[in-house]
Every structure is written in C-alpha cells, then in structure tokens.
C-alpha atoms as a PDB file:
ATOM      1  CA  MET A   1      78.781 129.957  61.192  1.00  0.00           C
ATOM      2  CA  ARG A   2      82.413 130.839  62.090  1.00  0.00           C
ATOM      3  CA  LEU A   3      81.566 132.337  65.350  1.00  0.00           C
ATOM      4  CA  ILE A   4      79.279 129.200  65.790  1.00  0.00           C
ATOM      5  CA  SER A   5      82.201 126.844  65.669  1.00  0.00           C
ATOM      6  CA  ARG A   6      84.575 129.237  68.005  1.00  0.00           C
ATOM      7  CA  LEU A   7      82.096 129.188  70.502  1.00  0.00           C
ATOM      8  CA  ALA A   8      81.692 125.002  70.006  1.00  0.00           C
ATOM      9  CA  PHE A   9      84.680 124.759  70.330  1.00  0.00           C
ATOM     10  CA  ALA A  10      85.661 126.635  73.181  1.00  0.00           C
ATOM     11  CA  ALA A  11      82.810 125.159  75.270  1.00  0.00           C
ATOM     12  CA  PHE A  12      84.556 121.369  74.182  1.00  0.00           C
ATOM     13  CA  VAL A  13      87.982 122.845  75.342  1.00  0.00           C
ATOM     14  CA  SER A  14      85.985 124.629  78.536  1.00  0.00           C
ATOM     15  CA  THR A  15      84.282 120.759  79.442  1.00  0.00           C
ATOM     16  CA  ALA A  16      87.429 118.884  78.218  1.00  0.00           C
ATOM     17  CA  LEU A  17      89.865 120.612  80.921  1.00  0.00           C
ATOM     18  CA  THR A  18      87.009 120.413  83.614  1.00  0.00           C
ATOM     19  CA  PHE A  19      86.843 117.018  83.489  1.00  0.00           C
ATOM     20  CA  ALA A  20      90.768 116.597  83.414  1.00  0.00           C
ATOM     21  CA  ALA A  21      91.134 118.809  86.422  1.00  0.00           C
ATOM     22  CA  GLY A  22      88.149 115.872  88.310  1.00  0.00           C
ATOM     23  CA  THR A  23      89.939 113.046  87.330  1.00  0.00           C
ATOM     24  CA  SER A  24      92.892 114.841  88.627  1.00  0.00           C
ATOM     25  CA  ALA A  25      90.818 115.901  91.870  1.00  0.00           C
ATOM     26  CA  SER A  26      89.339 112.066  92.181  1.00  0.00           C
ATOM     27  CA  ALA A  27      93.283 110.129  91.747  1.00  0.00           C
ATOM     28  CA  GLN A  28      94.311 112.820  94.839  1.00  0.00           C
ATOM     29  CA  GLU A  29      90.862 112.375  96.571  1.00  0.00           C
ATOM     30  CA  LYS A  30      91.766 108.395  96.019  1.00  0.00           C
ATOM     31  CA  GLN A  31      95.188 107.805  97.284  1.00  0.00           C
ATOM     32  CA  ILE A  32      94.720 106.330 101.009  1.00  0.00           C
ATOM     33  CA  THR A  33      96.459 108.018 103.699  1.00  0.00           C
ATOM     34  CA  LEU A  34      98.042 105.852 106.599  1.00  0.00           C
ATOM     35  CA  GLY A  35      98.774 106.804 109.789  1.00  0.00           C
ATOM     36  CA  PHE A  36     101.651 104.982 111.709  1.00  0.00           C
ATOM     37  CA  SER A  37     102.907 105.199 115.089  1.00  0.00           C
ATOM     38  CA  GLN A  38     106.047 103.109 115.737  1.00  0.00           C
ATOM     39  CA  VAL A  39     107.248 102.150 119.163  1.00  0.00           C
ATOM     40  CA  GLY A  40     110.398 104.003 118.337  1.00  0.00           C
ATOM     41  CA  ALA A  41     114.387 103.117 117.505  1.00  0.00           C
ATOM     42  CA  GLU A  42     115.397 100.479 120.702  1.00  0.00           C
ATOM     43  CA  SER A  43     116.895  97.641 118.604  1.00  0.00           C
ATOM     44  CA  ALA A  44     118.334  97.006 115.199  1.00  0.00           C
ATOM     45  CA  TRP A  45     114.969  94.763 114.309  1.00  0.00           C
ATOM     46  CA  ARG A  46     113.006  98.352 115.119  1.00  0.00           C
ATOM     47  CA  THR A  47     115.244 100.543 112.966  1.00  0.00           C
ATOM     48  CA  ALA A  48     114.375  97.615 109.869  1.00  0.00           C
ATOM     49  CA  ASN A  49     110.739  97.250 110.710  1.00  0.00           C
ATOM     50  CA  THR A  50     110.623 101.555 110.245  1.00  0.00           C
ATOM     51  CA  VAL A  51     112.255 101.481 106.804  1.00  0.00           C
ATOM     52  CA  SER A  52     110.244  98.282 105.983  1.00  0.00           C
ATOM     53  CA  VAL A  53     107.060 100.307 105.918  1.00  0.00           C
ATOM     54  CA  LYS A  54     108.537 103.429 104.867  1.00  0.00           C
ATOM     55  CA  SER A  55     109.589 101.787 101.685  1.00  0.00           C
ATOM     56  CA  ALA A  56     106.621  99.580 101.511  1.00  0.00           C
ATOM     57  CA  ALA A  57     104.025 102.696 101.939  1.00  0.00           C
ATOM     58  CA  LYS A  58     106.361 104.479  99.202  1.00  0.00           C
ATOM     59  CA  ASP A  59     106.133 101.196  96.725  1.00  0.00           C
ATOM     60  CA  ALA A  60     102.187 101.355  97.118  1.00  0.00           C
ATOM     61  CA  GLY A  61     101.853 104.930  96.656  1.00  0.00           C
ATOM     62  CA  ILE A  62     100.126 105.655 100.155  1.00  0.00           C
ATOM     63  CA  ASN A  63     100.778 108.570 101.751  1.00  0.00           C
ATOM     64  CA  LEU A  64     102.021 107.671 104.947  1.00  0.00           C
ATOM     65  CA  LYS A  65     101.885 109.715 108.048  1.00  0.00           C
ATOM     66  CA  PHE A  66     104.993 108.746 110.566  1.00  0.00           C
ATOM     67  CA  SER A  67     104.897 108.604 114.329  1.00  0.00           C
ATOM     68  CA  ASP A  68     107.634 107.677 116.616  1.00  0.00           C
ATOM     69  CA  ALA A  69     106.601 107.249 119.939  1.00  0.00           C
ATOM     70  CA  GLN A  70     110.033 106.713 121.710  1.00  0.00           C
ATOM     71  CA  GLN A  71     108.965 103.908 123.736  1.00  0.00           C
ATOM     72  CA  LYS A  72     105.967 106.048 125.720  1.00  0.00           C
ATOM     73  CA  GLN A  73     102.692 104.758 125.312  1.00  0.00           C
ATOM     74  CA  GLU A  74     101.334 108.444 125.681  1.00  0.00           C
ATOM     75  CA  ASN A  75     103.067 109.692 123.138  1.00  0.00           C
ATOM     76  CA  GLN A  76     101.804 107.010 120.848  1.00  0.00           C
ATOM     77  CA  ILE A  77      98.292 107.698 121.976  1.00  0.00           C
ATOM     78  CA  ARG A  78      99.014 111.005 120.964  1.00  0.00           C
ATOM     79  CA  ALA A  79      99.933 110.436 117.954  1.00  0.00           C
ATOM     80  CA  ILE A  80      96.777 108.204 117.349  1.00  0.00           C
ATOM     81  CA  ARG A  81      94.696 111.346 118.571  1.00  0.00           C
ATOM     82  CA  SER A  82      96.208 112.934 115.932  1.00  0.00           C
ATOM     83  CA  PHE A  83      95.777 110.684 112.751  1.00  0.00           C
ATOM     84  CA  ILE A  84      92.186 110.863 113.560  1.00  0.00           C
ATOM     85  CA  ALA A  85      91.516 114.306 113.756  1.00  0.00           C
ATOM     86  CA  GLN A  86      93.633 114.801 110.372  1.00  0.00           C
ATOM     87  CA  LYS A  87      90.711 112.115 109.213  1.00  0.00           C
ATOM     88  CA  VAL A  88      93.461 109.640 107.846  1.00  0.00           C
ATOM     89  CA  ASN A  89      91.834 106.638 106.255  1.00  0.00           C
ATOM     90  CA  VAL A  90      93.709 104.176 108.058  1.00  0.00           C
ATOM     91  CA  ILE A  91      95.715 103.697 111.608  1.00  0.00           C
ATOM     92  CA  ALA A  92      98.138 101.791 112.194  1.00  0.00           C
ATOM     93  CA  PHE A  93     100.619 101.040 115.326  1.00  0.00           C
ATOM     94  CA  SER A  94     102.815  98.656 116.548  1.00  0.00           C
ATOM     95  CA  PRO A  95     101.565  99.322 121.098  1.00  0.00           C
ATOM     96  CA  VAL A  96     104.394  99.971 123.426  1.00  0.00           C
ATOM     97  CA  VAL A  97     102.407  97.894 126.013  1.00  0.00           C
ATOM     98  CA  GLU A  98      99.285  95.815 125.816  1.00  0.00           C
ATOM     99  CA  SER A  99      97.019  97.462 128.068  1.00  0.00           C
ATOM    100  CA  GLY A 100      95.371 101.078 128.422  1.00  0.00           C
ATOM    101  CA  TRP A 101      94.061 101.229 124.584  1.00  0.00           C
ATOM    102  CA  GLU A 102      90.533 101.107 124.989  1.00  0.00           C
ATOM    103  CA  PRO A 103      89.916 104.783 125.323  1.00  0.00           C
ATOM    104  CA  VAL A 104      91.511 106.346 121.908  1.00  0.00           C
ATOM    105  CA  LEU A 105      90.565 103.029 119.860  1.00  0.00           C
ATOM    106  CA  ASN A 106      87.052 103.627 120.724  1.00  0.00           C
ATOM    107  CA  GLU A 107      87.990 106.971 119.904  1.00  0.00           C
ATOM    108  CA  ALA A 108      89.472 106.108 116.328  1.00  0.00           C
ATOM    109  CA  LYS A 109      85.986 103.472 116.345  1.00  0.00           C
ATOM    110  CA  ALA A 110      83.631 106.680 116.567  1.00  0.00           C
ATOM    111  CA  ALA A 111      85.586 108.352 113.907  1.00  0.00           C
ATOM    112  CA  HIS A 112      84.883 105.354 111.642  1.00  0.00           C
ATOM    113  CA  ILE A 113      88.546 104.836 111.231  1.00  0.00           C
ATOM    114  CA  PRO A 114      89.716 101.513 111.130  1.00  0.00           C
ATOM    115  CA  VAL A 115      92.909 100.501 113.299  1.00  0.00           C
ATOM    116  CA  ILE A 116      95.562  97.853 111.754  1.00  0.00           C
ATOM    117  CA  LEU A 117      97.740  96.201 114.438  1.00  0.00           C
ATOM    118  CA  THR A 118     101.270  95.405 113.850  1.00  0.00           C
ATOM    119  CA  ASP A 119     104.155  93.320 115.377  1.00  0.00           C
ATOM    120  CA  ARG A 120     102.446  93.522 118.761  1.00  0.00           C
ATOM    121  CA  ALA A 121      98.798  93.019 120.429  1.00  0.00           C
ATOM    122  CA  VAL A 122      96.462  94.708 122.497  1.00  0.00           C
ATOM    123  CA  ASP A 123      94.859  93.422 125.221  1.00  0.00           C
ATOM    124  CA  VAL A 124      90.995  94.711 124.938  1.00  0.00           C
ATOM    125  CA  LYS A 125      87.578  93.373 125.701  1.00  0.00           C
ATOM    126  CA  ASP A 126      85.674  94.730 122.630  1.00  0.00           C
ATOM    127  CA  THR A 127      88.076  92.699 119.687  1.00  0.00           C
ATOM    128  CA  SER A 128      86.049  94.918 117.334  1.00  0.00           C
ATOM    129  CA  LEU A 129      88.248  98.131 118.104  1.00  0.00           C
ATOM    130  CA  TYR A 130      90.797  96.623 115.451  1.00  0.00           C
ATOM    131  CA  VAL A 131      90.230  94.830 112.247  1.00  0.00           C
ATOM    132  CA  THR A 132      93.598  92.778 112.369  1.00  0.00           C
ATOM    133  CA  MET A 133      96.709  92.156 114.010  1.00  0.00           C
ATOM    134  CA  ILE A 134      99.872  91.652 111.641  1.00  0.00           C
ATOM    135  CA  GLY A 135     103.046  89.845 112.880  1.00  0.00           C
ATOM    136  CA  SER A 136     104.903  87.039 114.870  1.00  0.00           C
ATOM    137  CA  ASP A 137     103.658  84.330 116.887  1.00  0.00           C
ATOM    138  CA  PHE A 138     105.654  85.281 120.467  1.00  0.00           C
ATOM    139  CA  LEU A 139     104.003  82.285 122.223  1.00  0.00           C
ATOM    140  CA  GLU A 140     105.115  79.937 119.815  1.00  0.00           C
ATOM    141  CA  GLU A 141     108.622  81.704 119.375  1.00  0.00           C
ATOM    142  CA  GLY A 142     109.415  81.020 123.284  1.00  0.00           C
ATOM    143  CA  ARG A 143     107.673  77.355 122.973  1.00  0.00           C
ATOM    144  CA  ARG A 144     110.650  76.837 120.203  1.00  0.00           C
ATOM    145  CA  ALA A 145     113.460  78.372 122.402  1.00  0.00           C
ATOM    146  CA  GLY A 146     112.041  75.810 124.730  1.00  0.00           C
ATOM    147  CA  ARG A 147     111.822  72.896 122.649  1.00  0.00           C
ATOM    148  CA  TRP A 148     115.683  74.350 121.468  1.00  0.00           C
ATOM    149  CA  LEU A 149     116.752  73.850 125.267  1.00  0.00           C
ATOM    150  CA  GLU A 150     114.722  70.401 126.010  1.00  0.00           C
ATOM    151  CA  GLU A 151     116.718  68.951 122.852  1.00  0.00           C
ATOM    152  CA  ARG A 152     120.161  70.445 123.927  1.00  0.00           C
ATOM    153  CA  TYR A 153     119.711  69.256 127.852  1.00  0.00           C
ATOM    154  CA  LYS A 154     117.887  66.251 127.126  1.00  0.00           C
ATOM    155  CA  ASN A 155     120.916  63.883 128.241  1.00  0.00           C
ATOM    156  CA  GLU A 156     122.062  66.024 131.453  1.00  0.00           C
ATOM    157  CA  PRO A 157     120.558  65.668 134.770  1.00  0.00           C
ATOM    158  CA  GLY A 158     120.957  69.650 135.518  1.00  0.00           C
ATOM    159  CA  PRO A 159     120.225  71.444 137.476  1.00  0.00           C
ATOM    160  CA  ILE A 160     119.920  73.868 134.541  1.00  0.00           C
ATOM    161  CA  ASN A 161     119.907  77.448 135.964  1.00  0.00           C
ATOM    162  CA  ILE A 162     118.660  80.124 133.618  1.00  0.00           C
ATOM    163  CA  ALA A 163     119.362  83.504 133.668  1.00  0.00           C
ATOM    164  CA  GLU A 164     116.139  85.958 131.764  1.00  0.00           C
ATOM    165  CA  LEU A 165     116.610  89.206 129.924  1.00  0.00           C
ATOM    166  CA  GLN A 166     113.099  90.946 129.035  1.00  0.00           C
ATOM    167  CA  GLY A 167     112.174  93.073 127.363  1.00  0.00           C
ATOM    168  CA  THR A 168     109.948  95.907 127.951  1.00  0.00           C
ATOM    169  CA  VAL A 169     107.667  95.636 130.936  1.00  0.00           C
ATOM    170  CA  GLY A 170     103.745  94.925 129.370  1.00  0.00           C
ATOM    171  CA  SER A 171     104.999  94.468 125.852  1.00  0.00           C
ATOM    172  CA  ALA A 172     103.553  91.453 123.990  1.00  0.00           C
ATOM    173  CA  PRO A 173     106.837  89.981 123.398  1.00  0.00           C
ATOM    174  CA  ALA A 174     108.034  90.062 126.690  1.00  0.00           C
ATOM    175  CA  ASN A 175     104.911  88.603 127.818  1.00  0.00           C
ATOM    176  CA  ASP A 176     104.744  85.828 125.395  1.00  0.00           C
ATOM    177  CA  ARG A 177     108.590  85.255 125.092  1.00  0.00           C
ATOM    178  CA  HIS A 178     108.362  84.402 128.310  1.00  0.00           C
ATOM    179  CA  ALA A 179     105.427  82.251 128.394  1.00  0.00           C
ATOM    180  CA  GLY A 180     105.948  80.367 125.944  1.00  0.00           C
ATOM    181  CA  LEU A 181     109.065  79.331 127.429  1.00  0.00           C
ATOM    182  CA  MET A 182     107.219  78.582 130.761  1.00  0.00           C
ATOM    183  CA  GLU A 183     105.363  76.143 128.884  1.00  0.00           C
ATOM    184  CA  VAL A 184     107.330  74.203 127.758  1.00  0.00           C
ATOM    185  CA  VAL A 185     110.135  73.910 130.612  1.00  0.00           C
ATOM    186  CA  LYS A 186     108.048  73.530 133.756  1.00  0.00           C
ATOM    187  CA  LYS A 187     106.922  70.093 132.701  1.00  0.00           C
ATOM    188  CA  ASP A 188     110.635  69.252 133.549  1.00  0.00           C
ATOM    189  CA  PRO A 189     111.392  70.323 137.241  1.00  0.00           C
ATOM    190  CA  LYS A 190     115.976  70.264 135.926  1.00  0.00           C
ATOM    191  CA  PHE A 191     114.832  73.722 134.188  1.00  0.00           C
ATOM    192  CA  LYS A 192     114.925  76.455 136.637  1.00  0.00           C
ATOM    193  CA  ILE A 193     114.544  80.366 136.020  1.00  0.00           C
ATOM    194  CA  ILE A 194     116.919  81.659 138.923  1.00  0.00           C
ATOM    195  CA  ALA A 195     116.967  85.570 137.782  1.00  0.00           C
ATOM    196  CA  SER A 196     114.571  87.251 135.399  1.00  0.00           C
ATOM    197  CA  GLN A 197     114.770  91.251 135.172  1.00  0.00           C
ATOM    198  CA  SER A 198     113.943  93.909 131.548  1.00  0.00           C
ATOM    199  CA  GLY A 199     116.479  95.332 129.658  1.00  0.00           C
ATOM    200  CA  ASP A 200     113.959  97.105 127.803  1.00  0.00           C
ATOM    201  CA  PHE A 201     115.380  95.488 124.629  1.00  0.00           C
ATOM    202  CA  THR A 202     118.198  97.515 124.445  1.00  0.00           C
ATOM    203  CA  LEU A 203     121.806  96.585 124.267  1.00  0.00           C
ATOM    204  CA  ALA A 204     123.030  99.361 126.584  1.00  0.00           C
ATOM    205  CA  GLY A 205     119.886  97.410 129.339  1.00  0.00           C
ATOM    206  CA  GLY A 206     120.684  94.368 128.314  1.00  0.00           C
ATOM    207  CA  LYS A 207     124.523  94.234 129.517  1.00  0.00           C
ATOM    208  CA  GLN A 208     123.595  96.359 132.242  1.00  0.00           C
ATOM    209  CA  VAL A 209     121.141  93.780 133.867  1.00  0.00           C
ATOM    210  CA  MET A 210     123.734  91.080 133.272  1.00  0.00           C
ATOM    211  CA  GLU A 211     126.251  92.469 135.044  1.00  0.00           C
ATOM    212  CA  ALA A 212     123.914  92.376 137.738  1.00  0.00           C
ATOM    213  CA  PHE A 213     123.286  88.985 137.254  1.00  0.00           C
ATOM    214  CA  ALA A 214     126.878  88.203 136.930  1.00  0.00           C
ATOM    215  CA  LYS A 215     127.698  89.444 140.047  1.00  0.00           C
ATOM    216  CA  SER A 216     124.997  87.585 141.982  1.00  0.00           C
ATOM    217  CA  TYR A 217     124.986  84.801 140.432  1.00  0.00           C
ATOM    218  CA  GLY A 218     128.099  83.494 138.696  1.00  0.00           C
ATOM    219  CA  LYS A 219     129.159  80.107 137.594  1.00  0.00           C
ATOM    220  CA  GLN A 220     125.520  79.034 138.647  1.00  0.00           C
ATOM    221  CA  ILE A 221     124.103  80.319 135.263  1.00  0.00           C
ATOM    222  CA  ASN A 222     124.090  77.692 132.854  1.00  0.00           C
ATOM    223  CA  VAL A 223     121.522  79.783 130.134  1.00  0.00           C
ATOM    224  CA  VAL A 224     120.960  83.185 129.248  1.00  0.00           C
ATOM    225  CA  TYR A 225     117.612  83.943 127.635  1.00  0.00           C
ATOM    226  CA  ALA A 226     117.271  86.758 125.965  1.00  0.00           C
ATOM    227  CA  HIS A 227     114.177  88.146 124.849  1.00  0.00           C
ATOM    228  CA  ASN A 228     116.278  90.359 121.382  1.00  0.00           C
ATOM    229  CA  ASP A 229     119.733  90.062 120.236  1.00  0.00           C
ATOM    230  CA  ASP A 230     120.314  93.564 121.046  1.00  0.00           C
ATOM    231  CA  MET A 231     119.938  92.468 124.921  1.00  0.00           C
ATOM    232  CA  ALA A 232     122.160  89.408 123.838  1.00  0.00           C
ATOM    233  CA  LEU A 233     124.549  91.321 122.239  1.00  0.00           C
ATOM    234  CA  GLY A 234     124.753  93.128 125.739  1.00  0.00           C
ATOM    235  CA  ALA A 235     124.918  90.683 128.248  1.00  0.00           C
ATOM    236  CA  ILE A 236     127.465  88.568 125.936  1.00  0.00           C
ATOM    237  CA  GLN A 237     129.648  92.049 126.124  1.00  0.00           C
ATOM    238  CA  ALA A 238     129.250  92.329 130.612  1.00  0.00           C
ATOM    239  CA  MET A 239     129.825  88.067 130.470  1.00  0.00           C
ATOM    240  CA  GLU A 240     133.197  88.731 128.733  1.00  0.00           C
ATOM    241  CA  GLU A 241     134.180  91.817 130.896  1.00  0.00           C
ATOM    242  CA  ALA A 242     133.189  88.963 133.655  1.00  0.00           C
ATOM    243  CA  GLY A 243     135.782  86.178 132.375  1.00  0.00           C
ATOM    244  CA  ILE A 244     132.504  84.282 131.328  1.00  0.00           C
ATOM    245  CA  LYS A 245     132.920  82.446 127.776  1.00  0.00           C
ATOM    246  CA  PRO A 246     129.200  83.354 126.094  1.00  0.00           C
ATOM    247  CA  GLY A 247     128.241  79.954 124.181  1.00  0.00           C
ATOM    248  CA  LYS A 248     130.722  77.784 125.548  1.00  0.00           C
ATOM    249  CA  ASP A 249     130.422  78.238 129.779  1.00  0.00           C
ATOM    250  CA  VAL A 250     126.991  79.488 129.176  1.00  0.00           C
ATOM    251  CA  THR A 251     124.707  79.132 126.435  1.00  0.00           C
ATOM    252  CA  VAL A 252     123.140  81.831 124.764  1.00  0.00           C
ATOM    253  CA  VAL A 253     119.615  81.777 123.486  1.00  0.00           C
ATOM    254  CA  SER A 254     118.493  84.972 121.271  1.00  0.00           C
ATOM    255  CA  PHE A 255     115.557  86.217 119.391  1.00  0.00           C
ATOM    256  CA  ASP A 256     114.970  88.203 116.133  1.00  0.00           C
ATOM    257  CA  ALA A 257     117.582  86.808 114.008  1.00  0.00           C
ATOM    258  CA  THR A 258     119.449  90.315 112.747  1.00  0.00           C
ATOM    259  CA  LYS A 259     122.432  90.117 111.264  1.00  0.00           C
ATOM    260  CA  GLY A 260     124.143  91.180 114.319  1.00  0.00           C
ATOM    261  CA  GLY A 261     122.269  88.078 116.024  1.00  0.00           C
ATOM    262  CA  PHE A 262     123.939  85.959 112.866  1.00  0.00           C
ATOM    263  CA  GLU A 263     127.903  87.367 113.659  1.00  0.00           C
ATOM    264  CA  ALA A 264     127.715  86.153 117.235  1.00  0.00           C
ATOM    265  CA  MET A 265     126.446  82.737 115.935  1.00  0.00           C
ATOM    266  CA  ILE A 266     129.570  82.592 113.646  1.00  0.00           C
ATOM    267  CA  ALA A 267     131.531  84.204 116.531  1.00  0.00           C
ATOM    268  CA  GLY A 268     130.585  81.262 118.943  1.00  0.00           C
ATOM    269  CA  LYS A 269     128.419  83.343 121.405  1.00  0.00           C
ATOM    270  CA  ILE A 270     125.310  82.994 120.365  1.00  0.00           C
ATOM    271  CA  ASN A 271     123.906  79.463 120.601  1.00  0.00           C
ATOM    272  CA  VAL A 272     120.765  79.913 118.787  1.00  0.00           C
ATOM    273  CA  ASP A 273     118.457  82.432 117.655  1.00  0.00           C
ATOM    274  CA  VAL A 274     114.400  82.610 116.992  1.00  0.00           C
ATOM    275  CA  GLU A 275     113.926  84.031 114.067  1.00  0.00           C
ATOM    276  CA  CYS A 276     111.011  87.319 114.427  1.00  0.00           C
ATOM    277  CA  SER A 277     110.726  89.007 110.920  1.00  0.00           C
ATOM    278  CA  PRO A 278     110.666  92.722 110.934  1.00  0.00           C
ATOM    279  CA  LEU A 279     109.599  92.915 107.067  1.00  0.00           C
ATOM    280  CA  LEU A 280     105.759  93.587 107.586  1.00  0.00           C
ATOM    281  CA  GLY A 281     105.394  96.524 105.498  1.00  0.00           C
ATOM    282  CA  PRO A 282     104.265  94.843 102.013  1.00  0.00           C
ATOM    283  CA  GLN A 283     101.814  92.830 104.362  1.00  0.00           C
ATOM    284  CA  LEU A 284     100.662  95.905 105.917  1.00  0.00           C
ATOM    285  CA  MET A 285     100.479  98.173 102.684  1.00  0.00           C
ATOM    286  CA  SER A 286      98.145  95.158 101.393  1.00  0.00           C
ATOM    287  CA  ALA A 287      96.017  94.679 104.655  1.00  0.00           C
ATOM    288  CA  VAL A 288      95.393  98.600 104.591  1.00  0.00           C
ATOM    289  CA  LYS A 289      94.071  98.464 100.697  1.00  0.00           C
ATOM    290  CA  ASP A 290      92.290  95.690 101.498  1.00  0.00           C
ATOM    291  CA  VAL A 291      90.442  97.429 104.269  1.00  0.00           C
ATOM    292  CA  VAL A 292      89.692 100.855 102.597  1.00  0.00           C
ATOM    293  CA  ALA A 293      88.374  98.475  99.435  1.00  0.00           C
ATOM    294  CA  GLY A 294      85.827  96.954 102.339  1.00  0.00           C
ATOM    295  CA  LYS A 295      87.294  93.699 101.445  1.00  0.00           C
ATOM    296  CA  GLN A 296      87.397  90.624 104.466  1.00  0.00           C
ATOM    297  CA  VAL A 297      90.533  90.386 105.948  1.00  0.00           C
ATOM    298  CA  PRO A 298      91.805  87.640 108.570  1.00  0.00           C
ATOM    299  CA  LYS A 299      91.487  89.064 112.314  1.00  0.00           C
ATOM    300  CA  ARG A 300      95.620  87.320 112.648  1.00  0.00           C
ATOM    301  CA  ILE A 301      97.890  87.654 110.133  1.00  0.00           C
ATOM    302  CA  VAL A 302     101.068  85.751 111.079  1.00  0.00           C
ATOM    303  CA  THR A 303     104.542  85.387 109.530  1.00  0.00           C
ATOM    304  CA  ASN A 304     106.786  82.521 108.741  1.00  0.00           C
ATOM    305  CA  GLU A 305     109.521  82.434 111.032  1.00  0.00           C
ATOM    306  CA  THR A 306     111.743  79.938 111.780  1.00  0.00           C
ATOM    307  CA  VAL A 307     114.956  78.705 114.222  1.00  0.00           C
ATOM    308  CA  PHE A 308     118.901  79.408 113.410  1.00  0.00           C
ATOM    309  CA  PRO A 309     121.071  77.383 115.364  1.00  0.00           C
ATOM    310  CA  MET A 310     124.264  78.265 115.384  1.00  0.00           C
ATOM    311  CA  ASN A 311     125.997  75.969 113.031  1.00  0.00           C
ATOM    312  CA  VAL A 312     123.853  77.321 110.019  1.00  0.00           C
ATOM    313  CA  ALA A 313     124.366  80.909 110.505  1.00  0.00           C
ATOM    314  CA  ALA A 314     127.547  80.980 108.346  1.00  0.00           C
ATOM    315  CA  GLN A 315     125.930  79.873 105.405  1.00  0.00           C
ATOM    316  CA  THR A 316     122.706  81.482 105.981  1.00  0.00           C
ATOM    317  CA  LEU A 317     123.904  85.355 106.720  1.00  0.00           C
ATOM    318  CA  PRO A 318     124.540  86.579 103.249  1.00  0.00           C
ATOM    319  CA  SER A 319     121.079  86.194 102.689  1.00  0.00           C
ATOM    320  CA  ARG A 320     119.559  87.968 105.243  1.00  0.00           C
ATOM    321  CA  LYS A 321     117.882  91.118 104.723  1.00  0.00           C
ATOM    322  CA  TYR A 322     118.091  92.868 108.675  1.00  0.00           C
END
C-alpha cells in the first residue's frame, strides 16, 4: 500500500509540474510581438514619439521589435520584411513617404500579419493592406493654420507673401499641411506663396532654406510657414542672422507644439503653433491588442489636438509632455 501511495504521489507531482510547465509555455505563446519601424530621429517630435511607443509597449507587456529607418524608405521596407520573416503578430510603422508600399504590404498580407499605420498615411489602391491608421489629421492642421492667418490679416490689404518650409518631400504631413493651407488662403488673392522648399523636417534644413529665402526675398516675406518646430527654430536662427526679427518683422507659423516651439513663442519668435501630438504609444498598443483579439477597430483613429497662439504659451508650457 505504501508503494502504491508513493507511486500515486509521484504521478500527481509529475502531472502538476507538466501542467505548470504547459501553463508557462502557453503564457509565453500569448505574449504579443510587435514589429515597429520608425521614420528616424529627425526632430524632437519624432524622439518623443519613439519614447511613447517604447514605454507604452513595456507597460502593455508587448514584446517590441524596434527599427530606426533613418528617414530612408528602403530601410523601412527591409525592416518590414525582417518582421515578416520573424513572424511577428503585428507590424506597425510610420511611413517615410506615402507611395511605394504595395509590394511589401502585400507580402505582409500573404503572411497573414496585420499592419497598423501610425502618424502618417500611405497611398495604396487596396486599403485592406492595412488595418487602421492612428494619428493626426494633417490636412485639418493646415486648414487651422490657414484660418489663423486669415484672422491675423483680415484688416490688411496685402499682399501677404508666404515663404513655406516644407517637410520631407512626398511625406503625408508635408503634402497635407501644404494642401490644407492652400485650401483656405486660395480664396483670398492677397495671400501668395512666393517661395517653397523642403527643409526635411530638420533644424539644419530649416536654417539652410531660410538663409536662401532671406537672401532672395528679404523684406518681401511677411509670413514663414514652417511644417514643424525644428524647421521653424532653424529659420528663426537664419532670420536673426540676417537682421530680421522673427515674430515681429515676419509672422512665424509652425506645427507640432513641442516644448521648443513653446519656448520660442514665449520669446515672441513664433506667433502660432498648431498641435500635432507624438504621444501615440498607448493608442497603438490598445489597437494592437484589439487586432490580435480579432476585434473590429476603426479604419482611422484621429488624435485630439488644438492650436496654440503665442499669448497662451507661458501658461501652457508647464503642462507640456514633449
């Protein structure tokens, strides 16, 4: 009887250990792996976006495979193919440019790996190649800036000459922030874009472009319309070196509403900053979990944002998270 009891106990322990091991393996199998390809680290906004994604993944218990594309589409395509080969559960990325994604997205679809876009859109005929797009409405941002300019110059006869510092050529924010502005100001002939060039969303690029604008157009420029804060800050440096007072001699319109942008508004050098929040990590992780669970998610998830004129900068800056 003792022998039988010992054998029964041994069998029980063995079964319990097997069950525990199976449970542990099952828990490991259930952990979601997300492959994320970032545009790069070209701006303070992008750095804050990366921090948001990484911290949100950790908080959500999601295994994150992160890749920095260094602003090159070929690097993003290579990263996405690597994620497919690794059989991640979900792929997410912020596309460098809008076009040229069909082949690699079709590869992800063939591998049954859902794709989520963050911050920027893609231009594809088959919208089933991605599940959802999370981020700002860049077209509306451009409209908001245009409406602010309309109000700012409503009692002035013009002409109001605009020098535009565009973002990366072919990128969604560059395309839409330009289109949104034009949609509004084209109704009033006193607004004219006299110069437009890409500064690639960087401070150095913004400074270089503005140096050329200052030499070519000088005091003809009434408005600098910069597609992000980094370029606006670079343009401010160039204007000051050229003897132009940004915020006074020239109205400066910017996007993102980063701490650097707010500091420039407090200093009187940026007149208005249109918000574009980089804190997309929590929304992304929530969408990833829903997609893996088979839940329906909206095709477009828009972040809530506003416009900050110069006069509210000082009271708002302490609450800014980026």
